[in-house]
Amino acid sequence: MASFMLHHRHAPEECPSAYAVWKGFESPLRGHQATSTCRFGGHEIWWEVDAANETNALRLLPDYVGERSIAIRINREDIP
């Protein structure tokens, strides 16, 4: 399993759609918190996920969100 940061960006007018598409979409991400700047005008959302590869990581998102997202491979580092 690899770790990914999913980064989604949308325009302010797309904000309602970016949230609405989750209704009825089955994903382990539903019902959990994500890091977001929408309330402050940034309209970006991040999720940290584990998946076999980038494609599988993006499949955790509804199509509307996933098509506007990138999966960035990450690892956790101890900072001295």
PDB file of N, CA and C in Angstrom:
ATOM      1  N   MET A   1       0.843  -1.178   0.000  1.00  0.00           N
ATOM      2  CA  MET A   1       0.000   0.000   0.000  1.00  0.00           C
ATOM      3  C   MET A   1       0.888   1.242   0.000  1.00  0.00           C
ATOM      4  N   ALA A   2       0.509   2.199  -0.776  1.00  0.00           N
ATOM      5  CA  ALA A   2       1.220   3.475  -0.845  1.00  0.00           C
ATOM      6  C   ALA A   2       0.321   4.561  -0.266  1.00  0.00           C
ATOM      7  N   SER A   3       0.925   5.651   0.151  1.00  0.00           N
ATOM      8  CA  SER A   3       0.165   6.792   0.674  1.00  0.00           C
ATOM      9  C   SER A   3       0.148   7.908  -0.360  1.00  0.00           C
ATOM     10  N   PHE A   4      -1.000   8.568  -0.463  1.00  0.00           N
ATOM     11  CA  PHE A   4      -1.191   9.662  -1.416  1.00  0.00           C
ATOM     12  C   PHE A   4      -1.894  10.823  -0.748  1.00  0.00           C
ATOM     13  N   MET A   5      -1.563  12.016  -1.190  1.00  0.00           N
ATOM     14  CA  MET A   5      -2.333  13.207  -0.854  1.00  0.00           C
ATOM     15  C   MET A   5      -3.161  13.506  -2.094  1.00  0.00           C
ATOM     16  N   LEU A   6      -4.478  13.449  -1.950  1.00  0.00           N
ATOM     17  CA  LEU A   6      -5.364  13.821  -3.048  1.00  0.00           C
ATOM     18  C   LEU A   6      -5.625  15.304  -2.935  1.00  0.00           C
ATOM     19  N   HIS A   7      -5.404  16.020  -4.014  1.00  0.00           N
ATOM     20  CA  HIS A   7      -5.577  17.475  -4.027  1.00  0.00           C
ATOM     21  C   HIS A   7      -6.619  17.830  -5.071  1.00  0.00           C
ATOM     22  N   HIS A   8      -7.693  18.439  -4.593  1.00  0.00           N
ATOM     23  CA  HIS A   8      -8.799  18.837  -5.465  1.00  0.00           C
ATOM     24  C   HIS A   8      -8.929  20.358  -5.441  1.00  0.00           C
ATOM     25  N   ARG A   9      -9.154  20.931  -6.606  1.00  0.00           N
ATOM     26  CA  ARG A   9      -9.353  22.376  -6.724  1.00  0.00           C
ATOM     27  C   ARG A   9     -10.572  22.610  -7.601  1.00  0.00           C
ATOM     28  N   HIS A  10     -11.418  23.567  -7.199  1.00  0.00           N
ATOM     29  CA  HIS A  10     -12.585  23.928  -8.003  1.00  0.00           C
ATOM     30  C   HIS A  10     -12.819  25.427  -7.910  1.00  0.00           C
ATOM     31  N   ALA A  11     -13.597  25.941  -8.849  1.00  0.00           N
ATOM     32  CA  ALA A  11     -13.947  27.361  -8.859  1.00  0.00           C
ATOM     33  C   ALA A  11     -15.012  27.626  -7.794  1.00  0.00           C
ATOM     34  N   PRO A  12     -15.106  28.850  -7.308  1.00  0.00           N
ATOM     35  CA  PRO A  12     -16.104  29.161  -6.280  1.00  0.00           C
ATOM     36  C   PRO A  12     -17.524  28.747  -6.663  1.00  0.00           C
ATOM     37  N   GLU A  13     -17.897  28.932  -7.918  1.00  0.00           N
ATOM     38  CA  GLU A  13     -19.261  28.578  -8.336  1.00  0.00           C
ATOM     39  C   GLU A  13     -19.479  27.062  -8.408  1.00  0.00           C
ATOM     40  N   GLU A  14     -18.394  26.281  -8.382  1.00  0.00           N
ATOM     41  CA  GLU A  14     -18.497  24.819  -8.403  1.00  0.00           C
ATOM     42  C   GLU A  14     -18.565  24.207  -6.998  1.00  0.00           C
ATOM     43  N   CYS A  15     -18.411  25.022  -5.979  1.00  0.00           N
ATOM     44  CA  CYS A  15     -18.355  24.534  -4.602  1.00  0.00           C
ATOM     45  C   CYS A  15     -19.587  23.696  -4.237  1.00  0.00           C
ATOM     46  N   PRO A  16     -20.812  24.169  -4.484  1.00  0.00           N
ATOM     47  CA  PRO A  16     -21.972  23.343  -4.123  1.00  0.00           C
ATOM     48  C   PRO A  16     -21.958  21.977  -4.816  1.00  0.00           C
ATOM     49  N   SER A  17     -21.554  21.927  -6.066  1.00  0.00           N
ATOM     50  CA  SER A  17     -21.498  20.661  -6.801  1.00  0.00           C
ATOM     51  C   SER A  17     -20.425  19.738  -6.241  1.00  0.00           C
ATOM     52  N   ALA A  18     -19.277  20.288  -5.865  1.00  0.00           N
ATOM     53  CA  ALA A  18     -18.174  19.483  -5.346  1.00  0.00           C
ATOM     54  C   ALA A  18     -18.560  18.755  -4.064  1.00  0.00           C
ATOM     55  N   TYR A  19     -19.474  19.327  -3.300  1.00  0.00           N
ATOM     56  CA  TYR A  19     -19.946  18.675  -2.076  1.00  0.00           C
ATOM     57  C   TYR A  19     -21.157  17.786  -2.344  1.00  0.00           C
ATOM     58  N   ALA A  20     -22.043  18.210  -3.207  1.00  0.00           N
ATOM     59  CA  ALA A  20     -23.283  17.466  -3.475  1.00  0.00           C
ATOM     60  C   ALA A  20     -23.030  16.100  -4.107  1.00  0.00           C
ATOM     61  N   VAL A  21     -21.988  15.968  -4.918  1.00  0.00           N
ATOM     62  CA  VAL A  21     -21.750  14.699  -5.610  1.00  0.00           C
ATOM     63  C   VAL A  21     -21.393  13.553  -4.669  1.00  0.00           C
ATOM     64  N   TRP A  22     -21.077  13.848  -3.428  1.00  0.00           N
ATOM     65  CA  TRP A  22     -20.764  12.802  -2.461  1.00  0.00           C
ATOM     66  C   TRP A  22     -22.012  12.039  -2.029  1.00  0.00           C
ATOM     67  N   LYS A  23     -23.187  12.666  -2.134  1.00  0.00           N
ATOM     68  CA  LYS A  23     -24.423  12.004  -1.707  1.00  0.00           C
ATOM     69  C   LYS A  23     -24.655  10.774  -2.565  1.00  0.00           C
ATOM     70  N   GLY A  24     -24.768   9.633  -1.930  1.00  0.00           N
ATOM     71  CA  GLY A  24     -24.998   8.388  -2.641  1.00  0.00           C
ATOM     72  C   GLY A  24     -23.747   7.735  -3.201  1.00  0.00           C
ATOM     73  N   PHE A  25     -22.579   8.385  -3.088  1.00  0.00           N
ATOM     74  CA  PHE A  25     -21.329   7.806  -3.578  1.00  0.00           C
ATOM     75  C   PHE A  25     -20.694   6.998  -2.449  1.00  0.00           C
ATOM     76  N   GLU A  26     -20.433   5.730  -2.705  1.00  0.00           N
ATOM     77  CA  GLU A  26     -19.823   4.855  -1.700  1.00  0.00           C
ATOM     78  C   GLU A  26     -18.308   5.052  -1.696  1.00  0.00           C
ATOM     79  N   SER A  27     -17.779   5.478  -0.557  1.00  0.00           N
ATOM     80  CA  SER A  27     -16.344   5.684  -0.416  1.00  0.00           C
ATOM     81  C   SER A  27     -15.990   5.663   1.063  1.00  0.00           C
ATOM     82  N   PRO A  28     -14.838   5.103   1.415  1.00  0.00           N
ATOM     83  CA  PRO A  28     -14.406   5.162   2.811  1.00  0.00           C
ATOM     84  C   PRO A  28     -14.100   6.591   3.273  1.00  0.00           C
ATOM     85  N   LEU A  29     -14.041   7.534   2.353  1.00  0.00           N
ATOM     86  CA  LEU A  29     -13.785   8.932   2.718  1.00  0.00           C
ATOM     87  C   LEU A  29     -15.049   9.648   3.203  1.00  0.00           C
ATOM     88  N   ARG A  30     -16.214   9.123   2.824  1.00  0.00           N
ATOM     89  CA  ARG A  30     -17.476   9.756   3.235  1.00  0.00           C
ATOM     90  C   ARG A  30     -17.625   9.711   4.742  1.00  0.00           C
ATOM     91  N   GLY A  31     -18.128  10.796   5.297  1.00  0.00           N
ATOM     92  CA  GLY A  31     -18.373  10.856   6.729  1.00  0.00           C
ATOM     93  C   GLY A  31     -17.143  11.180   7.553  1.00  0.00           C
ATOM     94  N   HIS A  32     -16.024  11.461   6.879  1.00  0.00           N
ATOM     95  CA  HIS A  32     -14.781  11.808   7.580  1.00  0.00           C
ATOM     96  C   HIS A  32     -14.348  13.220   7.175  1.00  0.00           C
ATOM     97  N   GLN A  33     -13.485  13.783   7.959  1.00  0.00           N
ATOM     98  CA  GLN A  33     -13.012  15.135   7.675  1.00  0.00           C
ATOM     99  C   GLN A  33     -11.979  15.157   6.561  1.00  0.00           C
ATOM    100  N   ALA A  34     -11.963  16.266   5.854  1.00  0.00           N
ATOM    101  CA  ALA A  34     -10.931  16.573   4.867  1.00  0.00           C
ATOM    102  C   ALA A  34     -10.428  17.977   5.190  1.00  0.00           C
ATOM    103  N   THR A  35      -9.264  18.303   4.725  1.00  0.00           N
ATOM    104  CA  THR A  35      -8.727  19.649   4.899  1.00  0.00           C
ATOM    105  C   THR A  35      -9.203  20.487   3.721  1.00  0.00           C
ATOM    106  N   SER A  36      -9.789  21.648   4.018  1.00  0.00           N
ATOM    107  CA  SER A  36     -10.412  22.456   2.968  1.00  0.00           C
ATOM    108  C   SER A  36     -10.178  23.946   3.202  1.00  0.00           C
ATOM    109  N   THR A  37     -10.136  24.690   2.105  1.00  0.00           N
ATOM    110  CA  THR A  37     -10.039  26.152   2.188  1.00  0.00           C
ATOM    111  C   THR A  37     -11.312  26.833   1.680  1.00  0.00           C
ATOM    112  N   CYS A  38     -12.348  26.045   1.383  1.00  0.00           N
ATOM    113  CA  CYS A  38     -13.568  26.600   0.770  1.00  0.00           C
ATOM    114  C   CYS A  38     -14.182  27.737   1.596  1.00  0.00           C
ATOM    115  N   ARG A  39     -14.252  27.590   2.892  1.00  0.00           N
ATOM    116  CA  ARG A  39     -14.859  28.633   3.740  1.00  0.00           C
ATOM    117  C   ARG A  39     -14.083  29.944   3.705  1.00  0.00           C
ATOM    118  N   PHE A  40     -12.834  29.872   3.256  1.00  0.00           N
ATOM    119  CA  PHE A  40     -11.982  31.054   3.260  1.00  0.00           C
ATOM    120  C   PHE A  40     -11.667  31.549   1.858  1.00  0.00           C
ATOM    121  N   GLY A  41     -12.373  30.994   0.852  1.00  0.00           N
ATOM    122  CA  GLY A  41     -12.227  31.465  -0.521  1.00  0.00           C
ATOM    123  C   GLY A  41     -11.201  30.756  -1.363  1.00  0.00           C
ATOM    124  N   GLY A  42     -10.510  29.741  -0.818  1.00  0.00           N
ATOM    125  CA  GLY A  42      -9.462  29.066  -1.573  1.00  0.00           C
ATOM    126  C   GLY A  42      -9.970  27.971  -2.493  1.00  0.00           C
ATOM    127  N   HIS A  43     -11.051  27.307  -2.111  1.00  0.00           N
ATOM    128  CA  HIS A  43     -11.703  26.254  -2.895  1.00  0.00           C
ATOM    129  C   HIS A  43     -10.760  25.135  -3.307  1.00  0.00           C
ATOM    130  N   GLU A  44     -10.027  24.633  -2.302  1.00  0.00           N
ATOM    131  CA  GLU A  44      -9.160  23.473  -2.462  1.00  0.00           C
ATOM    132  C   GLU A  44      -9.446  22.519  -1.312  1.00  0.00           C
ATOM    133  N   ILE A  45      -9.354  21.207  -1.594  1.00  0.00           N
ATOM    134  CA  ILE A  45      -9.601  20.182  -0.589  1.00  0.00           C
ATOM    135  C   ILE A  45      -8.501  19.129  -0.707  1.00  0.00           C
ATOM    136  N   TRP A  46      -8.057  18.595   0.442  1.00  0.00           N
ATOM    137  CA  TRP A  46      -7.023  17.564   0.484  1.00  0.00           C
ATOM    138  C   TRP A  46      -7.487  16.390   1.336  1.00  0.00           C
ATOM    139  N   TRP A  47      -7.162  15.191   0.864  1.00  0.00           N
ATOM    140  CA  TRP A  47      -7.385  13.965   1.622  1.00  0.00           C
ATOM    141  C   TRP A  47      -6.084  13.190   1.633  1.00  0.00           C
ATOM    142  N   GLU A  48      -5.737  12.591   2.757  1.00  0.00           N
ATOM    143  CA  GLU A  48      -4.590  11.696   2.826  1.00  0.00           C
ATOM    144  C   GLU A  48      -5.140  10.278   2.825  1.00  0.00           C
ATOM    145  N   VAL A  49      -4.735   9.469   1.839  1.00  0.00           N
ATOM    146  CA  VAL A  49      -5.297   8.132   1.669  1.00  0.00           C
ATOM    147  C   VAL A  49      -4.197   7.107   1.417  1.00  0.00           C
ATOM    148  N   ASP A  50      -4.535   5.846   1.649  1.00  0.00           N
ATOM    149  CA  ASP A  50      -3.670   4.731   1.296  1.00  0.00           C
ATOM    150  C   ASP A  50      -4.349   3.973   0.161  1.00  0.00           C
ATOM    151  N   ALA A  51      -3.586   3.632  -0.863  1.00  0.00           N
ATOM    152  CA  ALA A  51      -4.119   2.907  -2.014  1.00  0.00           C
ATOM    153  C   ALA A  51      -2.971   2.199  -2.720  1.00  0.00           C
ATOM    154  N   ALA A  52      -3.318   1.237  -3.548  1.00  0.00           N
ATOM    155  CA  ALA A  52      -2.309   0.475  -4.274  1.00  0.00           C
ATOM    156  C   ALA A  52      -1.555   1.334  -5.286  1.00  0.00           C
ATOM    157  N   ASN A  53      -2.252   2.308  -5.876  1.00  0.00           N
ATOM    158  CA  ASN A  53      -1.632   3.175  -6.881  1.00  0.00           C
ATOM    159  C   ASN A  53      -2.452   4.457  -7.034  1.00  0.00           C
ATOM    160  N   GLU A  54      -1.958   5.358  -7.866  1.00  0.00           N
ATOM    161  CA  GLU A  54      -2.588   6.664  -8.068  1.00  0.00           C
ATOM    162  C   GLU A  54      -4.022   6.522  -8.589  1.00  0.00           C
ATOM    163  N   THR A  55      -4.227   5.619  -9.524  1.00  0.00           N
ATOM    164  CA  THR A  55      -5.565   5.419 -10.095  1.00  0.00           C
ATOM    165  C   THR A  55      -6.563   4.981  -9.032  1.00  0.00           C
ATOM    166  N   ASN A  56      -6.166   4.012  -8.209  1.00  0.00           N
ATOM    167  CA  ASN A  56      -7.055   3.548  -7.146  1.00  0.00           C
ATOM    168  C   ASN A  56      -7.306   4.624  -6.107  1.00  0.00           C
ATOM    169  N   ALA A  57      -6.318   5.446  -5.843  1.00  0.00           N
ATOM    170  CA  ALA A  57      -6.503   6.550  -4.898  1.00  0.00           C
ATOM    171  C   ALA A  57      -7.572   7.512  -5.416  1.00  0.00           C
ATOM    172  N   LEU A  58      -7.499   7.876  -6.688  1.00  0.00           N
ATOM    173  CA  LEU A  58      -8.476   8.807  -7.260  1.00  0.00           C
ATOM    174  C   LEU A  58      -9.871   8.202  -7.350  1.00  0.00           C
ATOM    175  N   ARG A  59      -9.969   6.879  -7.414  1.00  0.00           N
ATOM    176  CA  ARG A  59     -11.273   6.212  -7.458  1.00  0.00           C
ATOM    177  C   ARG A  59     -12.033   6.339  -6.138  1.00  0.00           C
ATOM    178  N   LEU A  60     -11.353   6.773  -5.086  1.00  0.00           N
ATOM    179  CA  LEU A  60     -12.026   7.002  -3.812  1.00  0.00           C
ATOM    180  C   LEU A  60     -12.898   8.253  -3.854  1.00  0.00           C
ATOM    181  N   LEU A  61     -12.754   9.040  -4.912  1.00  0.00           N
ATOM    182  CA  LEU A  61     -13.492  10.291  -5.078  1.00  0.00           C
ATOM    183  C   LEU A  61     -14.599  10.123  -6.113  1.00  0.00           C
ATOM    184  N   PRO A  62     -15.718  10.834  -5.946  1.00  0.00           N
ATOM    185  CA  PRO A  62     -16.727  10.837  -7.011  1.00  0.00           C
ATOM    186  C   PRO A  62     -16.106  11.373  -8.306  1.00  0.00           C
ATOM    187  N   ASP A  63     -16.605  10.928  -9.455  1.00  0.00           N
ATOM    188  CA  ASP A  63     -16.022  11.328 -10.741  1.00  0.00           C
ATOM    189  C   ASP A  63     -15.845  12.833 -10.868  1.00  0.00           C
ATOM    190  N   TYR A  64     -16.855  13.601 -10.511  1.00  0.00           N
ATOM    191  CA  TYR A  64     -16.798  15.057 -10.649  1.00  0.00           C
ATOM    192  C   TYR A  64     -15.604  15.634  -9.876  1.00  0.00           C
ATOM    193  N   VAL A  65     -15.353  15.096  -8.697  1.00  0.00           N
ATOM    194  CA  VAL A  65     -14.230  15.566  -7.868  1.00  0.00           C
ATOM    195  C   VAL A  65     -12.919  14.964  -8.367  1.00  0.00           C
ATOM    196  N   GLY A  66     -12.921  13.662  -8.652  1.00  0.00           N
ATOM    197  CA  GLY A  66     -11.711  12.977  -9.077  1.00  0.00           C
ATOM    198  C   GLY A  66     -11.132  13.509 -10.374  1.00  0.00           C
ATOM    199  N   GLU A  67     -12.002  13.902 -11.304  1.00  0.00           N
ATOM    200  CA  GLU A  67     -11.537  14.452 -12.582  1.00  0.00           C
ATOM    201  C   GLU A  67     -10.849  15.801 -12.414  1.00  0.00           C
ATOM    202  N   ARG A  68     -11.069  16.456 -11.301  1.00  0.00           N
ATOM    203  CA  ARG A  68     -10.479  17.760 -11.017  1.00  0.00           C
ATOM    204  C   ARG A  68      -9.409  17.659  -9.916  1.00  0.00           C
ATOM    205  N   SER A  69      -8.897  16.449  -9.706  1.00  0.00           N
ATOM    206  CA  SER A  69      -7.955  16.195  -8.615  1.00  0.00           C
ATOM    207  C   SER A  69      -6.675  15.557  -9.133  1.00  0.00           C
ATOM    208  N   ILE A  70      -5.635  15.652  -8.318  1.00  0.00           N
ATOM    209  CA  ILE A  70      -4.388  14.945  -8.581  1.00  0.00           C
ATOM    210  C   ILE A  70      -4.045  14.113  -7.350  1.00  0.00           C
ATOM    211  N   ALA A  71      -3.343  13.009  -7.562  1.00  0.00           N
ATOM    212  CA  ALA A  71      -2.865  12.160  -6.477  1.00  0.00           C
ATOM    213  C   ALA A  71      -1.355  12.311  -6.404  1.00  0.00           C
ATOM    214  N   ILE A  72      -0.862  12.717  -5.263  1.00  0.00           N
ATOM    215  CA  ILE A  72       0.562  12.965  -5.055  1.00  0.00           C
ATOM    216  C   ILE A  72       1.085  11.899  -4.085  1.00  0.00           C
ATOM    217  N   ARG A  73       2.068  11.118  -4.497  1.00  0.00           N
ATOM    218  CA  ARG A  73       2.634  10.076  -3.625  1.00  0.00           C
ATOM    219  C   ARG A  73       3.386  10.752  -2.486  1.00  0.00           C
ATOM    220  N   ILE A  74       3.121  10.302  -1.277  1.00  0.00           N
ATOM    221  CA  ILE A  74       3.741  10.892  -0.087  1.00  0.00           C
ATOM    222  C   ILE A  74       4.256   9.796   0.834  1.00  0.00           C
ATOM    223  N   ASN A  75       5.064  10.183   1.790  1.00  0.00           N
ATOM    224  CA  ASN A  75       5.417   9.318   2.913  1.00  0.00           C
ATOM    225  C   ASN A  75       5.549  10.195   4.145  1.00  0.00           C
ATOM    226  N   ARG A  76       5.504   9.552   5.273  1.00  0.00           N
ATOM    227  CA  ARG A  76       5.593  10.290   6.543  1.00  0.00           C
ATOM    228  C   ARG A  76       7.053  10.307   7.001  1.00  0.00           C
ATOM    229  N   GLU A  77       7.507  11.449   7.406  1.00  0.00           N
ATOM    230  CA  GLU A  77       8.893  11.623   7.840  1.00  0.00           C
ATOM    231  C   GLU A  77       8.905  12.149   9.275  1.00  0.00           C
ATOM    232  N   ASP A  78       9.847  11.659  10.039  1.00  0.00           N
ATOM    233  CA  ASP A  78      10.097  12.224  11.356  1.00  0.00           C
ATOM    234  C   ASP A  78      10.949  13.475  11.174  1.00  0.00           C
ATOM    235  N   ILE A  79      10.483  14.560  11.714  1.00  0.00           N
ATOM    236  CA  ILE A  79      11.216  15.821  11.615  1.00  0.00           C
ATOM    237  C   ILE A  79      12.011  16.023  12.901  1.00  0.00           C
ATOM    238  N   PRO A  80      13.324  16.147  12.784  1.00  0.00           N
ATOM    239  CA  PRO A  80      14.149  16.290  13.996  1.00  0.00           C
ATOM    240  C   PRO A  80      13.934  17.627  14.688  1.00  0.00           C
TER     241      PRO A  80
END
